[in-house]
Protein backbone atom coordinates (compact mmCIF):
# COMPACT_ATOMS: atom_id res chain seq x y z
CA MET A 1 -11.76 14.40 -1.18
CA LYS A 2 -10.09 15.74 -4.28
CA CYS A 3 -8.84 13.02 -6.61
CA TRP A 4 -6.61 13.31 -9.66
CA ASP A 5 -8.56 13.46 -12.90
CA LEU A 6 -7.73 10.32 -14.87
CA GLU A 7 -10.37 10.89 -17.52
CA ASN A 8 -8.46 13.52 -19.48
CA PRO A 9 -5.48 12.00 -21.32
CA ILE A 10 -2.27 13.99 -21.23
CA ASN A 11 -1.42 16.00 -24.30
CA GLN A 12 0.60 14.57 -27.16
CA PRO A 13 4.06 16.04 -27.92
CA THR A 14 4.03 18.85 -30.45
CA GLY A 15 4.03 17.65 -34.02
CA SER A 16 3.19 14.03 -33.24
CA SER A 17 -0.03 12.22 -33.95
CA PRO A 18 -0.73 8.57 -33.15
CA SER A 19 -1.82 6.40 -36.04
CA PRO A 20 -4.91 4.23 -35.68
CA PRO A 21 -4.27 0.60 -34.72
CA LEU A 22 -4.02 -2.04 -37.41
CA PRO A 23 -5.80 -5.37 -36.99
CA LEU A 24 -3.80 -7.91 -35.02
CA THR A 25 -3.39 -11.56 -35.88
CA ASP A 26 -3.24 -14.27 -33.25
CA THR A 27 0.55 -14.30 -33.37
CA SER A 28 1.51 -10.66 -33.76
CA ILE A 29 1.31 -7.27 -32.18
CA CYS A 30 1.93 -3.90 -33.74
CA GLN A 31 5.07 -1.84 -33.22
CA SER A 32 5.85 1.75 -33.99
CA GLU A 33 9.04 2.20 -36.03
CA PRO A 34 10.13 5.78 -35.53
CA PRO A 35 13.25 6.81 -37.42
CA THR A 36 14.58 8.39 -34.23
CA MET A 37 13.85 8.07 -30.52
CA ARG A 38 13.81 10.95 -28.08
CA LEU A 39 13.04 11.18 -24.38
CA VAL A 40 10.32 13.57 -23.38
CA GLY A 41 9.82 14.69 -19.77
CA TRP A 42 6.20 13.74 -19.24
CA ARG A 43 4.82 14.86 -15.91
CA PHE A 44 2.10 12.71 -14.40
CA GLY A 45 1.85 11.99 -10.70
CA GLY A 46 5.44 13.07 -10.22
CA ARG A 47 6.88 10.70 -12.84
CA CYS A 48 8.84 11.40 -15.99
CA MET A 49 7.58 9.08 -18.70
CA GLN A 50 9.39 7.85 -21.78
CA ARG A 51 7.68 8.70 -25.03
CA SER A 52 8.64 7.99 -28.62
CA GLN A 53 7.92 10.08 -31.67
CA GLN A 54 5.03 8.42 -33.42
CA SER A 55 5.29 7.37 -37.05
CA SER A 56 2.44 6.76 -39.41
CA LYS A 57 4.18 3.59 -40.55
CA ARG A 58 3.49 0.50 -38.42
CA SER A 59 4.64 -3.06 -38.89
CA SER A 60 3.68 -6.24 -37.12
CA ARG A 61 6.11 -8.59 -35.39
CA SER A 62 5.82 -11.93 -33.68
CA VAL A 63 5.09 -12.11 -29.96
CA GLU A 64 8.40 -12.54 -28.17
CA ASP A 65 9.26 -13.59 -24.61
CA ASP A 66 12.65 -13.25 -22.98
CA LYS A 67 14.36 -16.20 -21.28
CA GLU A 68 12.56 -15.47 -17.98
CA GLY A 69 9.11 -15.39 -19.56
CA HIS A 70 8.65 -11.61 -19.63
CA LEU A 71 6.81 -10.26 -22.65
CA VAL A 72 9.17 -8.23 -24.82
CA CYS A 73 7.21 -5.06 -25.52
CA ARG A 74 8.28 -1.66 -26.73
CA ILE A 75 6.82 1.81 -26.71
CA GLY A 76 4.35 1.97 -29.56
CA ASP A 77 3.27 -1.69 -29.35
CA TRP A 78 -0.42 -2.54 -29.23
CA LEU A 79 -2.20 -5.30 -27.30
CA GLN A 80 -5.69 -6.59 -28.04
CA GLU A 81 -6.11 -3.88 -30.72
CA ARG A 82 -6.90 -1.62 -27.78
CA TYR A 83 -3.96 -0.83 -25.50
CA GLU A 84 -1.11 1.28 -26.88
CA ILE A 85 2.06 1.14 -24.79
CA VAL A 86 3.42 4.64 -24.14
CA GLY A 87 5.66 4.20 -21.09
CA ASN A 88 7.37 1.79 -18.71
CA LEU A 89 6.34 1.96 -15.06
CA GLY A 90 8.33 -0.87 -13.53
CA GLU A 91 9.33 -4.52 -13.52
CA GLY A 92 9.37 -7.20 -10.84
CA THR A 93 9.39 -10.93 -10.20
CA PHE A 94 5.79 -11.32 -11.34
CA GLY A 95 6.22 -9.42 -14.62
CA LYS A 96 6.13 -5.78 -15.63
CA VAL A 97 3.82 -2.77 -15.54
CA VAL A 98 3.47 -0.42 -18.51
CA GLU A 99 1.50 2.75 -19.09
CA CYS A 100 -1.01 2.45 -21.90
CA LEU A 101 -3.61 4.48 -23.71
CA ASP A 102 -6.93 2.65 -23.76
CA HIS A 103 -8.31 3.43 -27.22
CA ALA A 104 -11.63 1.78 -26.36
CA ARG A 105 -12.18 4.42 -23.68
CA GLY A 106 -11.14 7.64 -25.36
CA LYS A 107 -7.40 7.14 -24.91
CA SER A 108 -7.73 7.11 -21.13
CA GLN A 109 -4.51 6.34 -19.28
CA VAL A 110 -4.20 2.95 -17.60
CA ALA A 111 -1.51 0.92 -15.90
CA LEU A 112 -1.29 -2.53 -17.50
CA LYS A 113 0.21 -5.32 -15.41
CA ILE A 114 1.69 -7.98 -17.74
CA ILE A 115 2.38 -11.27 -15.94
CA ARG A 116 5.27 -13.53 -16.94
CA ASN A 117 4.43 -16.50 -19.16
CA VAL A 118 5.12 -18.94 -16.34
CA GLY A 119 2.54 -21.34 -14.95
CA LYS A 120 2.75 -20.43 -11.24
CA TYR A 121 2.58 -16.70 -11.95
CA ARG A 122 -0.28 -17.19 -14.39
CA GLU A 123 -2.24 -19.10 -11.76
CA ALA A 124 -1.45 -16.47 -9.11
CA ALA A 125 -2.73 -13.80 -11.49
CA ARG A 126 -6.00 -15.67 -11.92
CA LEU A 127 -6.44 -15.72 -8.15
CA GLU A 128 -5.71 -11.98 -7.96
CA ILE A 129 -8.23 -11.31 -10.74
CA ASN A 130 -10.85 -13.21 -8.73
CA VAL A 131 -10.16 -11.01 -5.69
CA LEU A 132 -10.25 -7.83 -7.78
CA LYS A 133 -13.59 -8.89 -9.28
CA LYS A 134 -15.06 -9.30 -5.80
CA ILE A 135 -13.72 -5.91 -4.70
CA LYS A 136 -15.17 -4.20 -7.77
CA GLU A 137 -18.49 -5.95 -7.23
CA LYS A 138 -18.69 -4.69 -3.64
CA ASP A 139 -17.30 -1.21 -4.31
CA LYS A 140 -18.49 -0.02 -7.70
CA GLU A 141 -17.96 3.66 -6.80
CA ASN A 142 -14.46 3.15 -5.35
CA LYS A 143 -15.39 4.59 -1.96
CA PHE A 144 -13.16 2.18 -0.07
CA LEU A 145 -9.84 3.19 -1.59
CA CYS A 146 -8.71 -0.12 -3.11
CA VAL A 147 -7.23 0.01 -6.59
CA LEU A 148 -9.88 -0.99 -9.15
CA MET A 149 -9.40 -3.37 -12.08
CA SER A 150 -10.87 -2.03 -15.33
CA ASP A 151 -10.12 -5.04 -17.58
CA TRP A 152 -8.18 -8.29 -17.84
CA PHE A 153 -7.24 -10.68 -20.64
CA ASN A 154 -4.85 -13.49 -21.61
CA PHE A 155 -2.33 -12.36 -24.22
CA HIS A 156 -0.46 -15.39 -25.58
CA GLY A 157 0.04 -16.89 -22.12
CA HIS A 158 0.55 -13.56 -20.37
CA MET A 159 -2.24 -12.65 -17.97
CA CYS A 160 -2.79 -8.89 -18.27
CA ILE A 161 -4.66 -6.71 -15.77
CA ALA A 162 -5.59 -3.07 -16.44
CA PHE A 163 -5.87 -0.60 -13.56
CA GLU A 164 -6.47 3.09 -13.11
CA LEU A 165 -3.19 4.97 -13.52
CA LEU A 166 -1.95 6.24 -10.16
CA GLY A 167 1.11 8.05 -8.83
CA LYS A 168 4.19 6.76 -7.04
CA ASN A 169 3.96 4.30 -4.20
CA THR A 170 4.57 5.72 -0.73
CA PHE A 171 7.96 3.99 -0.33
CA GLU A 172 9.24 5.30 -3.65
CA PHE A 173 8.24 8.84 -2.67
CA LEU A 174 9.93 8.42 0.72
CA LYS A 175 13.10 7.15 -0.95
CA GLU A 176 13.22 9.99 -3.48
CA ASN A 177 12.81 12.41 -0.58
CA ASN A 178 16.01 11.04 1.02
CA PHE A 179 13.87 9.21 3.58
CA GLN A 180 12.66 12.44 5.13
CA PRO A 181 9.59 11.43 7.19
CA TYR A 182 6.11 12.42 6.12
CA PRO A 183 4.62 15.32 8.11
CA LEU A 184 2.35 14.20 10.92
CA PRO A 185 -0.84 15.57 9.26
CA HIS A 186 0.01 13.49 6.17
CA VAL A 187 0.59 10.39 8.30
CA ARG A 188 -2.73 10.88 10.04
CA HIS A 189 -4.65 11.25 6.79
CA MET A 190 -2.99 8.20 5.22
CA ALA A 191 -3.62 6.23 8.43
CA TYR A 192 -7.29 7.09 8.34
CA GLN A 193 -7.57 5.98 4.72
CA LEU A 194 -5.73 2.71 5.41
CA CYS A 195 -8.07 1.89 8.29
CA HIS A 196 -11.05 2.77 6.10
CA ALA A 197 -9.87 0.44 3.30
CA LEU A 198 -8.96 -2.34 5.71
CA ARG A 199 -12.32 -2.22 7.43
CA PHE A 200 -13.97 -2.75 4.02
CA LEU A 201 -11.73 -5.72 3.17
CA HIS A 202 -12.20 -7.39 6.54
CA GLU A 203 -15.97 -6.94 6.52
CA ASN A 204 -15.93 -8.82 3.22
CA GLN A 205 -13.92 -11.70 4.74
CA LEU A 206 -10.72 -10.75 2.94
CA THR A 207 -7.22 -10.35 4.40
CA HIS A 208 -4.65 -8.49 2.30
CA THR A 209 -1.63 -10.22 3.99
CA ASP A 210 1.02 -8.08 2.24
CA LEU A 211 0.48 -4.49 3.32
CA LYS A 212 3.65 -2.39 3.02
CA PRO A 213 4.55 1.10 1.76
CA GLU A 214 5.29 -0.28 -1.73
CA ASN A 215 1.70 -1.49 -2.02
CA ILE A 216 0.14 1.85 -1.08
CA LEU A 217 -0.02 4.30 -3.97
CA PHE A 218 -0.72 8.01 -4.09
CA VAL A 219 -3.56 8.94 -6.42
CA ASN A 220 -1.37 11.83 -7.55
CA SER A 221 2.19 12.13 -6.30
CA GLU A 222 2.88 15.65 -7.53
CA PHE A 223 4.80 17.57 -4.90
CA GLU A 224 6.13 20.95 -3.89
CA THR A 225 9.63 21.56 -2.59
CA LEU A 226 9.80 23.30 0.77
CA TYR A 227 12.72 24.47 2.88
CA ASN A 228 12.84 22.90 6.33
CA GLU A 229 14.41 25.50 8.63
CA HIS A 230 14.69 23.04 11.50
CA LYS A 231 16.72 20.58 9.41
CA SER A 232 18.31 23.24 7.17
CA CYS A 233 17.44 21.35 4.00
CA GLU A 234 14.88 21.17 1.24
CA GLU A 235 12.28 18.42 1.28
CA LYS A 236 9.44 17.31 -0.94
CA SER A 237 5.87 17.55 0.28
CA VAL A 238 3.19 15.65 -1.62
CA LYS A 239 0.30 17.93 -2.55
CA ASN A 240 -2.46 15.33 -2.29
CA THR A 241 -2.31 12.57 0.33
CA SER A 242 -5.15 10.53 -1.18
CA ILE A 243 -4.03 6.91 -1.49
CA ARG A 244 -5.11 3.54 -2.86
CA VAL A 245 -4.32 0.07 -1.53
CA ALA A 246 -2.85 -2.13 -4.26
CA ASP A 247 -1.41 -5.59 -5.02
CA PHE A 248 -3.97 -8.21 -4.03
CA GLY A 249 -1.88 -11.09 -5.34
CA SER A 250 -1.57 -12.60 -1.84
CA ALA A 251 -5.03 -11.65 -0.54
CA THR A 252 -6.88 -14.53 1.12
CA PHE A 253 -10.57 -15.04 1.85
CA ASP A 254 -11.53 -16.40 5.26
CA HIS A 255 -12.74 -19.72 3.80
CA GLU A 256 -9.58 -20.31 1.74
CA HIS A 257 -6.44 -22.17 2.75
CA HIS A 258 -4.13 -20.00 4.86
CA THR A 259 -0.47 -20.54 4.02
CA THR A 260 1.91 -20.71 6.98
CA ILE A 261 4.00 -17.67 6.10
CA VAL A 262 2.52 -14.38 4.89
CA ALA A 263 3.55 -10.72 4.82
CA THR A 264 6.87 -9.16 3.87
CA ARG A 265 9.49 -9.63 6.61
CA HIS A 266 9.55 -6.11 8.11
CA TYR A 267 5.73 -6.01 8.39
CA ARG A 268 5.20 -9.61 9.54
CA PRO A 269 3.35 -10.14 12.86
CA PRO A 270 4.66 -12.40 15.64
CA GLU A 271 1.97 -15.06 15.25
CA VAL A 272 3.19 -15.69 11.70
CA ILE A 273 6.83 -15.96 12.78
CA LEU A 274 5.81 -18.40 15.53
CA GLU A 275 3.53 -20.32 13.12
CA LEU A 276 0.51 -20.01 15.41
CA GLY A 277 -1.94 -19.38 12.61
CA TRP A 278 -3.09 -15.97 11.48
CA ALA A 279 -6.26 -14.04 10.72
CA GLN A 280 -7.24 -10.49 9.79
CA PRO A 281 -5.38 -8.84 12.71
CA CYS A 282 -2.13 -9.51 10.84
CA ASP A 283 -3.12 -6.64 8.53
CA VAL A 284 -3.52 -4.35 11.53
CA TRP A 285 0.00 -5.19 12.69
CA SER A 286 1.33 -4.31 9.24
CA ILE A 287 -0.43 -0.93 9.36
CA GLY A 288 1.28 -0.16 12.67
CA CYS A 289 4.70 -0.89 11.14
CA ILE A 290 3.86 1.18 8.07
CA LEU A 291 2.77 4.22 10.06
CA PHE A 292 5.94 4.17 12.13
CA GLU A 293 7.96 4.10 8.90
CA TYR A 294 5.99 7.04 7.50
CA TYR A 295 6.50 9.03 10.70
CA ARG A 296 10.20 8.29 11.25
CA GLY A 297 11.45 7.61 7.73
CA PHE A 298 12.95 4.20 8.49
CA THR A 299 11.76 0.65 9.04
CA LEU A 300 10.94 -0.23 12.64
CA PHE A 301 12.09 -3.86 12.47
CA GLN A 302 15.24 -3.79 10.35
CA THR A 303 16.04 -7.49 10.28
CA HIS A 304 15.93 -10.57 8.08
CA GLU A 305 16.07 -13.29 10.76
CA ASN A 306 13.29 -14.71 12.93
CA ARG A 307 15.05 -14.79 16.28
CA GLU A 308 16.37 -11.25 15.93
CA HIS A 309 12.93 -10.10 14.78
CA LEU A 310 11.31 -11.51 17.93
CA VAL A 311 13.97 -9.92 20.14
CA MET A 312 13.36 -6.55 18.50
CA MET A 313 9.64 -6.90 19.17
CA GLU A 314 10.30 -7.55 22.85
CA LYS A 315 12.77 -4.68 23.16
CA ILE A 316 10.40 -2.21 21.53
CA LEU A 317 6.94 -3.43 22.56
CA GLY A 318 7.42 -5.63 25.63
CA PRO A 319 7.56 -9.37 26.44
CA ILE A 320 5.89 -11.95 24.24
CA PRO A 321 2.95 -13.44 26.21
CA SER A 322 3.62 -16.81 27.77
CA HIS A 323 0.59 -18.47 26.15
CA MET A 324 2.06 -17.74 22.71
CA ILE A 325 5.41 -19.17 23.75
CA HIS A 326 3.79 -22.34 25.13
CA ARG A 327 1.74 -22.95 21.98
CA THR A 328 4.39 -22.39 19.33
CA ARG A 329 6.30 -25.21 17.68
CA LYS A 330 9.29 -22.88 17.39
CA GLN A 331 10.67 -23.79 20.82
CA LYS A 332 14.22 -23.48 19.49
CA TYR A 333 13.90 -19.73 20.03
CA PHE A 334 13.04 -20.09 23.73
CA TYR A 335 14.38 -21.49 26.98
CA LYS A 336 12.44 -21.51 30.25
CA GLY A 337 9.81 -19.18 28.83
CA GLY A 338 12.23 -16.58 27.52
CA LEU A 339 13.95 -15.82 24.23
CA VAL A 340 17.42 -17.27 23.80
CA TRP A 341 19.61 -14.39 22.73
CA ASP A 342 23.28 -13.47 23.07
CA GLU A 343 23.39 -9.76 23.86
CA ASN A 344 27.19 -9.73 23.56
CA SER A 345 27.21 -10.85 19.93
CA SER A 346 27.41 -8.26 17.14
CA ASP A 347 23.70 -8.72 16.44
CA GLY A 348 22.95 -8.49 20.14
CA ARG A 349 24.85 -5.23 20.49
CA TYR A 350 23.06 -3.83 17.43
CA VAL A 351 19.64 -4.61 18.90
CA LYS A 352 20.61 -3.23 22.31
CA GLU A 353 21.87 0.04 20.82
CA ASN A 354 19.11 0.60 18.27
CA CYS A 355 15.92 -0.88 19.72
CA LYS A 356 14.42 1.14 22.56
CA PRO A 357 10.98 0.86 24.19
CA LEU A 358 8.29 2.60 22.17
CA LYS A 359 6.85 5.43 24.22
CA VAL A 360 3.26 6.44 23.58
CA SER A 361 3.58 9.93 25.04
CA PHE A 362 0.48 11.43 23.58
CA TRP A 363 -3.07 11.99 24.77
CA LEU A 364 -5.29 9.00 23.98
CA PRO A 365 -8.72 10.16 22.75
CA PRO A 366 -11.91 8.66 24.15
CA VAL A 367 -13.44 6.04 21.89
CA GLN A 368 -16.32 8.31 20.87
CA CYS A 369 -13.78 10.76 19.44
CA MET A 370 -11.95 8.13 17.44
CA PRO A 371 -12.49 8.32 13.68
CA ARG A 372 -15.11 5.99 12.29
CA GLY A 373 -12.68 3.90 10.24
CA PRO A 374 -10.19 2.97 13.01
CA GLN A 375 -12.91 2.64 15.66
CA ALA A 376 -14.96 0.24 13.56
CA LEU A 377 -11.83 -1.59 12.41
CA GLY A 378 -10.84 -2.23 16.02
CA ARG A 379 -14.31 -3.53 16.94
CA HIS A 380 -14.49 -5.70 13.84
CA THR A 381 -11.07 -7.33 14.20
CA ALA A 382 -11.61 -7.91 17.92
CA ALA A 383 -14.98 -9.54 17.24
CA ARG A 384 -13.50 -11.83 14.60
CA GLN A 385 -10.65 -12.70 16.93
CA ALA A 386 -13.14 -13.70 19.62
CA ARG A 387 -14.68 -16.16 17.16
CA GLN A 388 -11.22 -17.61 16.45
CA PRO A 389 -9.73 -18.10 19.93
CA LYS A 390 -7.13 -20.60 18.73
CA ALA A 391 -5.42 -18.09 16.46
CA ALA A 392 -3.14 -16.11 18.77
CA SER A 393 -2.85 -12.67 17.26
CA SER A 394 -0.84 -9.52 17.38
CA LEU A 395 -3.95 -7.80 18.77
CA GLN A 396 -3.69 -9.98 21.87
CA LEU A 397 0.06 -9.50 22.01
CA TYR A 398 0.36 -5.74 21.72
CA GLY A 399 -2.98 -3.99 22.13
CA SER A 400 -1.24 -0.61 22.43
CA TRP A 401 0.02 -1.05 18.89
CA VAL A 402 -3.55 -0.93 17.61
CA LEU A 403 -4.29 2.09 19.80
CA ALA A 404 -1.30 3.86 18.28
CA VAL A 405 -2.75 3.19 14.85
CA GLY A 406 -6.06 4.70 15.92
CA LEU A 407 -4.43 7.78 17.39
CA LEU A 408 -2.32 8.49 14.33
CA ALA A 409 -5.50 8.22 12.32
CA ASP A 410 -7.22 10.71 14.63
CA CYS A 411 -8.08 14.17 13.29
CA PRO A 412 -6.91 13.79 9.67
CA ARG A 413 -6.33 17.05 7.86
CA GLY A 414 -7.75 18.38 4.60
CA PRO A 415 -11.24 17.13 3.71
CA LEU A 416 -11.35 15.13 6.94
CA SER A 417 -10.16 17.85 9.31
CA PRO A 418 -11.96 19.03 12.46
CA THR A 419 -14.64 21.62 11.74
CA PRO A 420 -15.88 24.44 14.00
CA SER A 421 -18.83 23.64 16.19
CA PRO A 422 -21.76 26.09 16.41
CA GLN A 423 -21.43 25.88 20.19
CA GLY A 424 -17.70 26.60 20.09
CA GLY A 425 -14.96 24.05 20.43
CA CYS A 426 -14.81 21.46 17.69
CA GLU A 427 -16.68 18.67 16.08
CA CYS A 428 -14.54 15.89 14.67
CA ASN A 429 -15.50 15.53 11.02
CA ARG A 430 -14.32 12.02 10.32
CA GLY A 431 -16.80 10.68 7.81
CA ALA A 432 -15.68 7.96 5.45
CA PRO A 433 -14.30 9.37 2.19
CA GLY A 434 -17.23 9.78 -0.11
CA GLY A 435 -19.62 8.77 2.67
CA PRO A 436 -21.61 10.50 5.41
CA ASP A 437 -19.88 12.35 8.20
CA VAL A 438 -19.83 11.00 11.74
CA ARG A 439 -19.55 13.77 14.29
CA SER A 440 -18.72 13.62 17.98
CA PRO A 441 -19.84 16.23 20.52
CA SER A 442 -17.20 18.85 21.10
CA SER A 443 -17.66 18.58 24.85
CA SER A 444 -16.12 15.10 24.82
CA CYS A 445 -13.07 16.07 22.74
CA PRO A 446 -9.99 17.24 24.66
CA PRO A 447 -7.59 19.54 22.80
CA HIS A 448 -5.92 17.90 19.82
CA PRO A 449 -2.16 17.31 20.14
CA GLN A 450 -0.09 20.01 18.48
CA SER A 451 3.41 18.65 18.96
CA GLY A 452 5.23 16.60 16.36
CA GLU A 453 6.52 14.32 19.12
CA GLU A 454 3.42 12.17 19.55
CA LEU A 455 5.18 8.94 18.64
CA LYS A 456 8.77 8.46 19.58
CA GLN A 457 11.32 6.06 20.97
CA ASP A 458 13.02 6.78 24.27
């Protein structure tokens, strides 16, 4: 699988040359003081980066936090006498992410996550660092498609984590493409990679708990613009669908305390809403929601309220099993074994008009033709669920949801596409990225679906 080359730093603007770092004291960082500032379109992974003209003159300033505990940092600042800030990538509740040049590694480009100087966020960052250490220990060659931590340090109360620099996240790309859905071959390839990464995490007793399009990043989000004759409009098509799973701030090991509520609302499984306890299958549910969003361009469960969320699940996927209803403490949502819901209210009319039964109208491949990642993921999660019978799961609730995940992952294109068989027909080349191929006899593989209507709502 072709990956974006992160070893070669992007070229400097004409006529500019970065000065070497000056030694830092315990209470200062260095700042570039250019006489003028200009914006330079800097193409990397589909982003335009902000760059300043470098000046040979540098001065130190005291470390400064804003009123919310964010580190005040500017382009040209240095951290740890090693990381030179050259761009801003984003900001959130936890802190901010900046692009840096790592001068200890030949000016390689890294994304530096700078956590707010607030106790609870600092502690959460330490937990995330522990998870990232375990992932790196188990996957030194990055075969399992989880973002890798290259360094971490405490900078005056700000926990900082350095990662490989990647492209846009899959939601950001979808948004900038006017929510035009990803092509089915792209969805299949991303589905395969997600199952591959999730299988690795689950086999190492780790549940991500917050899978969503924002936490799945393209390795390189460069794109080409194509004209869609069917829709009579232009749309962006990412050139490389290689992805990485990111943001392990909420990841939980099997032996650790499981908080009651996990996952972002739209990707939250029913057992979490009903407070029945959760396990690794909650990640599988999230993948199903993500793949639907990739394929259709909009969120499947567009709600922010528990009761409405449960009603949507029933409308789209079928009744909630009675054993889950009997076990939940959330009896306020039910009466005589059914959901209490006013279909004549404005919310009720919205659900009735917009939530239709999900129709799986495609050919379901035999298990021996399923790709190695999804097939093994299904076996693994089912086996773990059998050992935890008290944790009612989304696998028990909607088994077809998991099958839909496996089918979308079937026959990924590009490096994982079907290859001709010497006997004619096809052999399904679905080896793990970077790993050995696993091939299925062509005689057991019915024709692959060609239509773009494999997954739809009636």
